[in-house]
Amino acid sequence: MKDDVEEAILYAKKYIEDLLSFFGLNADVYATTEDSEVIELDVPSTHLNGFLIGNHGDTMRALQQTISSALKNQGYSHCRVNVDIAGYKKQRAQRLVKEAESWFREVQKSGQPKELGPMTAADRRTVHKAAVDYGLLSDSVGVGRDRHIVLKPIEDSTDKN
């Protein structure tokens, strides 16, 4: 098992750049890791943004899985990858937090838990982080595509360990 994070980052960067060049796109991908666990690959804005992002980010997620699999196949221990095309994920997270603020206020005002609709893991992470800033508890419940968040006021934490 290869443990060198810098080597894994370089491999992932070259992999996505080679993949993009297959589509005739010569892009310099910005690659980092914030917490030594997830490799962040930021692809700059190009004329292929829509194609690379795909419907609701599906193509972007497929790119992540492909690069993650390639890292695993090469024996790297750092295999979690986050691909962002033209800042799509950052903008999506900002829009989601803005929308979630109304949910947070609703829970604070009513004092009652609120179940949200199903979300991707990335969207759930964004809402969990934002809920903390509002002094709320949040739990992920459900399985698979039905996994969603339940927001709760702090007073409703009697069932916590």
C-alpha atoms as a PDB file:
ATOM      1  CA  MET A   1       0.000   0.000   0.000  1.00  0.00           C
ATOM      2  CA  LYS A   2       1.497   3.333  -1.075  1.00  0.00           C
ATOM      3  CA  ASP A   3       1.214   5.965   1.679  1.00  0.00           C
ATOM      4  CA  ASP A   4       2.749   9.040   0.020  1.00  0.00           C
ATOM      5  CA  VAL A   5       0.003  11.648  -0.241  1.00  0.00           C
ATOM      6  CA  GLU A   6       1.994  13.870  -2.626  1.00  0.00           C
ATOM      7  CA  GLU A   7       2.511  10.949  -5.002  1.00  0.00           C
ATOM      8  CA  ALA A   8      -1.230  10.127  -4.911  1.00  0.00           C
ATOM      9  CA  ILE A   9      -2.107  13.772  -5.638  1.00  0.00           C
ATOM     10  CA  LEU A  10       0.255  13.860  -8.623  1.00  0.00           C
ATOM     11  CA  TYR A  11      -1.139  10.571  -9.950  1.00  0.00           C
ATOM     12  CA  ALA A  12      -4.754  11.797  -9.627  1.00  0.00           C
ATOM     13  CA  LYS A  13      -3.874  15.149 -11.273  1.00  0.00           C
ATOM     14  CA  LYS A  14      -2.141  13.480 -14.214  1.00  0.00           C
ATOM     15  CA  TYR A  15      -4.972  10.941 -14.541  1.00  0.00           C
ATOM     16  CA  ILE A  16      -7.703  13.581 -14.879  1.00  0.00           C
ATOM     17  CA  GLU A  17      -5.558  15.763 -17.153  1.00  0.00           C
ATOM     18  CA  ASP A  18      -4.944  12.755 -19.433  1.00  0.00           C
ATOM     19  CA  LEU A  19      -8.661  11.947 -19.369  1.00  0.00           C
ATOM     20  CA  LEU A  20      -9.556  15.539 -20.281  1.00  0.00           C
ATOM     21  CA  SER A  21      -7.004  15.560 -23.104  1.00  0.00           C
ATOM     22  CA  PHE A  22      -8.858  12.571 -24.576  1.00  0.00           C
ATOM     23  CA  PHE A  23     -11.756  15.015 -25.103  1.00  0.00           C
ATOM     24  CA  GLY A  24      -9.391  17.556 -26.672  1.00  0.00           C
ATOM     25  CA  LEU A  25      -9.165  19.666 -23.538  1.00  0.00           C
ATOM     26  CA  ASN A  26      -5.742  20.741 -22.341  1.00  0.00           C
ATOM     27  CA  ALA A  27      -6.459  22.005 -18.838  1.00  0.00           C
ATOM     28  CA  ASP A  28      -4.125  22.552 -15.921  1.00  0.00           C
ATOM     29  CA  VAL A  29      -5.951  20.977 -12.987  1.00  0.00           C
ATOM     30  CA  TYR A  30      -5.327  22.398  -9.513  1.00  0.00           C
ATOM     31  CA  ALA A  31      -4.755  19.510  -7.086  1.00  0.00           C
ATOM     32  CA  THR A  32      -4.490  19.690  -3.296  1.00  0.00           C
ATOM     33  CA  THR A  33      -5.533  17.929  -0.138  1.00  0.00           C
ATOM     34  CA  GLU A  34      -6.952  19.823   2.820  1.00  0.00           C
ATOM     35  CA  ASP A  35      -6.936  17.129   5.473  1.00  0.00           C
ATOM     36  CA  SER A  36      -4.602  14.491   3.964  1.00  0.00           C
ATOM     37  CA  GLU A  37      -7.660  12.322   3.408  1.00  0.00           C
ATOM     38  CA  VAL A  38      -9.480  13.708   0.355  1.00  0.00           C
ATOM     39  CA  ILE A  39      -7.681  14.700  -2.835  1.00  0.00           C
ATOM     40  CA  GLU A  40      -9.266  17.884  -4.240  1.00  0.00           C
ATOM     41  CA  LEU A  41      -9.119  18.285  -8.019  1.00  0.00           C
ATOM     42  CA  ASP A  42     -10.314  21.648  -9.362  1.00  0.00           C
ATOM     43  CA  VAL A  43     -10.822  21.786 -13.123  1.00  0.00           C
ATOM     44  CA  PRO A  44     -10.918  25.339 -14.520  1.00  0.00           C
ATOM     45  CA  SER A  45     -13.860  26.663 -16.493  1.00  0.00           C
ATOM     46  CA  THR A  46     -13.887  25.671 -20.178  1.00  0.00           C
ATOM     47  CA  HIS A  47     -16.307  25.351 -23.070  1.00  0.00           C
ATOM     48  CA  LEU A  48     -16.964  21.747 -21.910  1.00  0.00           C
ATOM     49  CA  ASN A  49     -18.291  22.636 -18.423  1.00  0.00           C
ATOM     50  CA  GLY A  50     -21.802  21.304 -19.075  1.00  0.00           C
ATOM     51  CA  PHE A  51     -20.473  18.083 -20.566  1.00  0.00           C
ATOM     52  CA  LEU A  52     -17.987  17.499 -17.742  1.00  0.00           C
ATOM     53  CA  ILE A  53     -20.478  18.320 -14.972  1.00  0.00           C
ATOM     54  CA  GLY A  54     -23.322  16.316 -16.503  1.00  0.00           C
ATOM     55  CA  ASN A  55     -26.950  16.178 -15.389  1.00  0.00           C
ATOM     56  CA  HIS A  56     -27.051  17.184 -11.691  1.00  0.00           C
ATOM     57  CA  GLY A  57     -23.285  16.508 -11.434  1.00  0.00           C
ATOM     58  CA  ASP A  58     -23.542  12.860 -12.529  1.00  0.00           C
ATOM     59  CA  THR A  59     -20.551  12.996 -14.898  1.00  0.00           C
ATOM     60  CA  MET A  60     -18.470  14.773 -12.283  1.00  0.00           C
ATOM     61  CA  ARG A  61     -19.284  12.040  -9.731  1.00  0.00           C
ATOM     62  CA  ALA A  62     -18.374   9.393 -12.322  1.00  0.00           C
ATOM     63  CA  LEU A  63     -15.008  11.115 -12.823  1.00  0.00           C
ATOM     64  CA  GLN A  64     -14.448  10.991  -9.056  1.00  0.00           C
ATOM     65  CA  GLN A  65     -15.237   7.275  -8.927  1.00  0.00           C
ATOM     66  CA  THR A  66     -13.010   6.546 -11.914  1.00  0.00           C
ATOM     67  CA  ILE A  67     -10.035   8.398 -10.422  1.00  0.00           C
ATOM     68  CA  SER A  68     -10.636   6.841  -7.008  1.00  0.00           C
ATOM     69  CA  SER A  69     -10.685   3.367  -8.581  1.00  0.00           C
ATOM     70  CA  ALA A  70      -7.487   4.122 -10.499  1.00  0.00           C
ATOM     71  CA  LEU A  71      -5.768   5.176  -7.261  1.00  0.00           C
ATOM     72  CA  LYS A  72      -6.932   1.977  -5.528  1.00  0.00           C
ATOM     73  CA  ASN A  73      -5.743  -0.147  -8.458  1.00  0.00           C
ATOM     74  CA  GLN A  74      -2.305   1.493  -8.213  1.00  0.00           C
ATOM     75  CA  GLY A  75      -2.128   0.652  -4.494  1.00  0.00           C
ATOM     76  CA  TYR A  76      -2.516   4.139  -3.040  1.00  0.00           C
ATOM     77  CA  SER A  77      -3.929   4.379   0.468  1.00  0.00           C
ATOM     78  CA  HIS A  78      -5.362   7.853  -0.262  1.00  0.00           C
ATOM     79  CA  CYS A  79      -8.237   7.081  -2.618  1.00  0.00           C
ATOM     80  CA  ARG A  80     -10.967   9.586  -1.737  1.00  0.00           C
ATOM     81  CA  VAL A  81     -11.264  12.139  -4.507  1.00  0.00           C
ATOM     82  CA  ASN A  82     -13.357  15.277  -4.902  1.00  0.00           C
ATOM     83  CA  VAL A  83     -13.602  16.707  -8.435  1.00  0.00           C
ATOM     84  CA  ASP A  84     -15.021  20.214  -8.924  1.00  0.00           C
ATOM     85  CA  ILE A  85     -15.595  21.546 -12.431  1.00  0.00           C
ATOM     86  CA  ALA A  86     -15.534  25.359 -12.768  1.00  0.00           C
ATOM     87  CA  GLY A  87     -16.513  25.812  -9.104  1.00  0.00           C
ATOM     88  CA  TYR A  88     -19.842  23.985  -9.604  1.00  0.00           C
ATOM     89  CA  LYS A  89     -19.728  22.233  -6.223  1.00  0.00           C
ATOM     90  CA  LYS A  90     -18.749  25.378  -4.323  1.00  0.00           C
ATOM     91  CA  GLN A  91     -21.607  27.326  -5.905  1.00  0.00           C
ATOM     92  CA  ARG A  92     -24.031  24.475  -5.257  1.00  0.00           C
ATOM     93  CA  ALA A  93     -22.987  24.318  -1.603  1.00  0.00           C
ATOM     94  CA  GLN A  94     -23.503  28.079  -1.225  1.00  0.00           C
ATOM     95  CA  ARG A  95     -27.001  27.847  -2.755  1.00  0.00           C
ATOM     96  CA  LEU A  96     -27.839  24.883  -0.518  1.00  0.00           C
ATOM     97  CA  VAL A  97     -26.724  26.711   2.653  1.00  0.00           C
ATOM     98  CA  LYS A  98     -28.820  29.713   1.647  1.00  0.00           C
ATOM     99  CA  GLU A  99     -31.850  27.442   1.172  1.00  0.00           C
ATOM    100  CA  ALA A 100     -31.122  25.568   4.408  1.00  0.00           C
ATOM    101  CA  GLU A 101     -31.129  28.801   6.414  1.00  0.00           C
ATOM    102  CA  SER A 102     -34.925  28.968   6.050  1.00  0.00           C
ATOM    103  CA  TRP A 103     -35.189  25.363   7.300  1.00  0.00           C
ATOM    104  CA  PHE A 104     -32.964  26.213  10.262  1.00  0.00           C
ATOM    105  CA  ARG A 105     -35.076  29.255  11.182  1.00  0.00           C
ATOM    106  CA  GLU A 106     -38.233  27.132  10.901  1.00  0.00           C
ATOM    107  CA  VAL A 107     -36.840  24.541  13.358  1.00  0.00           C
ATOM    108  CA  GLN A 108     -35.608  27.247  15.739  1.00  0.00           C
ATOM    109  CA  LYS A 109     -38.980  29.019  15.683  1.00  0.00           C
ATOM    110  CA  SER A 110     -41.179  25.912  15.996  1.00  0.00           C
ATOM    111  CA  GLY A 111     -38.910  23.920  18.300  1.00  0.00           C
ATOM    112  CA  GLN A 112     -39.950  20.834  16.295  1.00  0.00           C
ATOM    113  CA  PRO A 113     -37.764  18.455  14.247  1.00  0.00           C
ATOM    114  CA  LYS A 114     -37.900  18.823  10.458  1.00  0.00           C
ATOM    115  CA  GLU A 115     -37.272  16.046   7.938  1.00  0.00           C
ATOM    116  CA  LEU A 116     -35.620  17.157   4.713  1.00  0.00           C
ATOM    117  CA  GLY A 117     -35.833  15.426   1.358  1.00  0.00           C
ATOM    118  CA  PRO A 118     -33.269  12.879   0.147  1.00  0.00           C
ATOM    119  CA  MET A 119     -29.823  14.332  -0.592  1.00  0.00           C
ATOM    120  CA  THR A 120     -26.456  13.224  -1.875  1.00  0.00           C
ATOM    121  CA  ALA A 121     -23.721  12.594   0.678  1.00  0.00           C
ATOM    122  CA  ALA A 122     -21.995  15.852  -0.294  1.00  0.00           C
ATOM    123  CA  ASP A 123     -25.198  17.858   0.156  1.00  0.00           C
ATOM    124  CA  ARG A 124     -25.847  16.211   3.524  1.00  0.00           C
ATOM    125  CA  ARG A 125     -22.316  17.091   4.664  1.00  0.00           C
ATOM    126  CA  THR A 126     -22.930  20.721   3.666  1.00  0.00           C
ATOM    127  CA  VAL A 127     -26.218  20.896   5.609  1.00  0.00           C
ATOM    128  CA  HIS A 128     -24.716  19.139   8.671  1.00  0.00           C
ATOM    129  CA  LYS A 129     -21.881  21.703   8.802  1.00  0.00           C
ATOM    130  CA  ALA A 130     -24.260  24.651   8.381  1.00  0.00           C
ATOM    131  CA  ALA A 131     -26.682  23.306  11.024  1.00  0.00           C
ATOM    132  CA  VAL A 132     -23.914  23.433  13.642  1.00  0.00           C
ATOM    133  CA  ASP A 133     -23.470  27.163  12.958  1.00  0.00           C
ATOM    134  CA  TYR A 134     -27.175  27.638  13.720  1.00  0.00           C
ATOM    135  CA  GLY A 135     -26.969  25.664  16.956  1.00  0.00           C
ATOM    136  CA  LEU A 136     -29.057  22.778  15.650  1.00  0.00           C
ATOM    137  CA  LEU A 137     -28.571  19.029  15.693  1.00  0.00           C
ATOM    138  CA  SER A 138     -28.752  17.097  12.460  1.00  0.00           C
ATOM    139  CA  ASP A 139     -28.928  13.369  11.838  1.00  0.00           C
ATOM    140  CA  SER A 140     -28.760  11.427   8.594  1.00  0.00           C
ATOM    141  CA  VAL A 141     -31.437   8.743   8.423  1.00  0.00           C
ATOM    142  CA  GLY A 142     -32.585   6.305   5.773  1.00  0.00           C
ATOM    143  CA  VAL A 143     -30.724   4.112   3.337  1.00  0.00           C
ATOM    144  CA  GLY A 144     -29.314   4.601  -0.155  1.00  0.00           C
ATOM    145  CA  ARG A 145     -31.073   7.166  -2.320  1.00  0.00           C
ATOM    146  CA  ASP A 146     -33.641   7.762   0.453  1.00  0.00           C
ATOM    147  CA  ARG A 147     -30.996   8.936   2.948  1.00  0.00           C
ATOM    148  CA  HIS A 148     -31.969  12.344   4.278  1.00  0.00           C
ATOM    149  CA  ILE A 149     -31.437  14.744   7.173  1.00  0.00           C
ATOM    150  CA  VAL A 150     -33.583  15.375  10.221  1.00  0.00           C
ATOM    151  CA  LEU A 151     -32.938  18.786  11.786  1.00  0.00           C
ATOM    152  CA  LYS A 152     -33.586  19.077  15.524  1.00  0.00           C
ATOM    153  CA  PRO A 153     -33.369  21.840  18.097  1.00  0.00           C
ATOM    154  CA  ILE A 154     -30.736  21.291  20.786  1.00  0.00           C
ATOM    155  CA  GLU A 155     -33.424  20.683  23.445  1.00  0.00           C
ATOM    156  CA  ASP A 156     -34.548  17.617  21.474  1.00  0.00           C
ATOM    157  CA  SER A 157     -31.229  15.841  22.163  1.00  0.00           C
ATOM    158  CA  THR A 158     -32.441  13.565  24.989  1.00  0.00           C
ATOM    159  CA  ASP A 159     -32.052  10.482  22.778  1.00  0.00           C
ATOM    160  CA  LYS A 160     -28.339  11.225  22.181  1.00  0.00           C
ATOM    161  CA  ASN A 161     -25.556   9.226  23.880  1.00  0.00           C
END
